[in-house]
Amino acid sequence: WHEREAHEMFGIDFAGHSDLRNMYLPVDFEGHPLRKDFPLLARMVKPWPGIVDVEPLPGGDSSDATNDGDAS
């Protein structure tokens, strides 16, 4: 059953295995849900929380250059 599960979830084919049918997913399911290239519907509707559009700070880049690293 390990080979059947790996085939179903990742799309790995095992040479010589005679019964690689689905165990968990419906017969008409398309794709392999544990592959990285499988689209996540939840992330298509709501973007990943780590992705943030950062706006530049007032004052531009020169505000970061004023700190020379002196901690005295």
Protein backbone atom coordinates (compact mmCIF):
# COMPACT_ATOMS: atom_id res chain seq x y z
CA TRP A 1 0.00 0.00 0.00
CA HIS A 2 2.99 2.33 0.39
CA GLU A 3 3.51 2.37 -3.36
CA ARG A 4 -0.17 3.06 -4.02
CA GLU A 5 -0.20 5.98 -1.59
CA ALA A 6 3.03 7.47 -3.04
CA HIS A 7 1.61 7.12 -6.54
CA GLU A 8 -1.67 8.78 -5.56
CA MET A 9 -0.24 11.69 -3.57
CA PHE A 10 3.01 12.41 -5.45
CA GLY A 11 2.55 10.81 -8.89
CA ILE A 12 5.47 8.39 -8.53
CA ASP A 13 5.24 5.36 -10.83
CA PHE A 14 6.57 2.02 -9.59
CA ALA A 15 7.73 -0.42 -12.26
CA GLY A 16 6.18 -3.85 -11.86
CA HIS A 17 3.37 -2.77 -9.53
CA SER A 18 0.13 -4.15 -10.94
CA ASP A 19 -2.42 -2.12 -8.92
CA LEU A 20 -1.67 1.63 -8.75
CA ARG A 21 -5.25 2.81 -8.32
CA ASN A 22 -6.36 5.50 -5.87
CA MET A 23 -6.98 4.62 -2.23
CA TYR A 24 -8.09 7.99 -0.78
CA LEU A 25 -8.97 10.36 -3.61
CA PRO A 26 -11.99 10.05 -5.92
CA VAL A 27 -11.40 8.38 -9.28
CA ASP A 28 -12.04 11.62 -11.21
CA PHE A 29 -9.59 13.69 -9.08
CA GLU A 30 -6.92 15.35 -11.24
CA GLY A 31 -3.40 15.94 -9.99
CA HIS A 32 -1.31 14.86 -7.03
CA PRO A 33 -2.06 16.94 -3.90
CA LEU A 34 1.28 16.59 -2.08
CA ARG A 35 3.42 17.87 -4.96
CA LYS A 36 4.82 21.38 -4.72
CA ASP A 37 3.36 22.33 -8.10
CA PHE A 38 -0.20 21.45 -6.99
CA PRO A 39 -2.22 24.70 -6.70
CA LEU A 40 -3.64 25.34 -3.24
CA LEU A 41 -7.13 26.78 -3.57
CA ALA A 42 -6.90 28.45 -0.16
CA ARG A 43 -3.78 30.37 -1.26
CA MET A 44 -5.38 31.38 -4.54
CA VAL A 45 -8.30 32.97 -2.66
CA LYS A 46 -6.26 34.43 0.23
CA PRO A 47 -2.55 35.16 -0.45
CA TRP A 48 0.16 33.63 1.71
CA PRO A 49 0.45 35.68 4.94
CA GLY A 50 4.23 36.06 4.61
CA ILE A 51 3.96 37.96 1.35
CA VAL A 52 3.67 41.66 2.12
CA ASP A 53 3.79 44.64 -0.22
CA VAL A 54 6.16 47.01 1.54
CA GLU A 55 5.82 50.72 0.90
CA PRO A 56 8.93 52.91 1.11
CA LEU A 57 9.37 54.82 4.36
CA PRO A 58 9.07 58.61 4.32
CA GLY A 59 12.49 60.13 3.79
CA GLY A 60 13.68 57.51 1.30
CA ASP A 61 16.80 55.38 1.63
CA SER A 62 18.93 58.15 3.16
CA SER A 63 17.28 57.65 6.58
CA ASP A 64 19.02 54.26 6.92
CA ALA A 65 22.44 55.68 6.04
CA THR A 66 22.53 58.08 9.03
CA ASN A 67 23.24 55.24 11.47
CA ASP A 68 26.97 54.42 11.18
CA GLY A 69 26.75 51.53 13.61
CA ASP A 70 28.23 53.52 16.56
CA ALA A 71 26.62 52.14 19.69
CA SER A 72 28.23 54.58 22.13
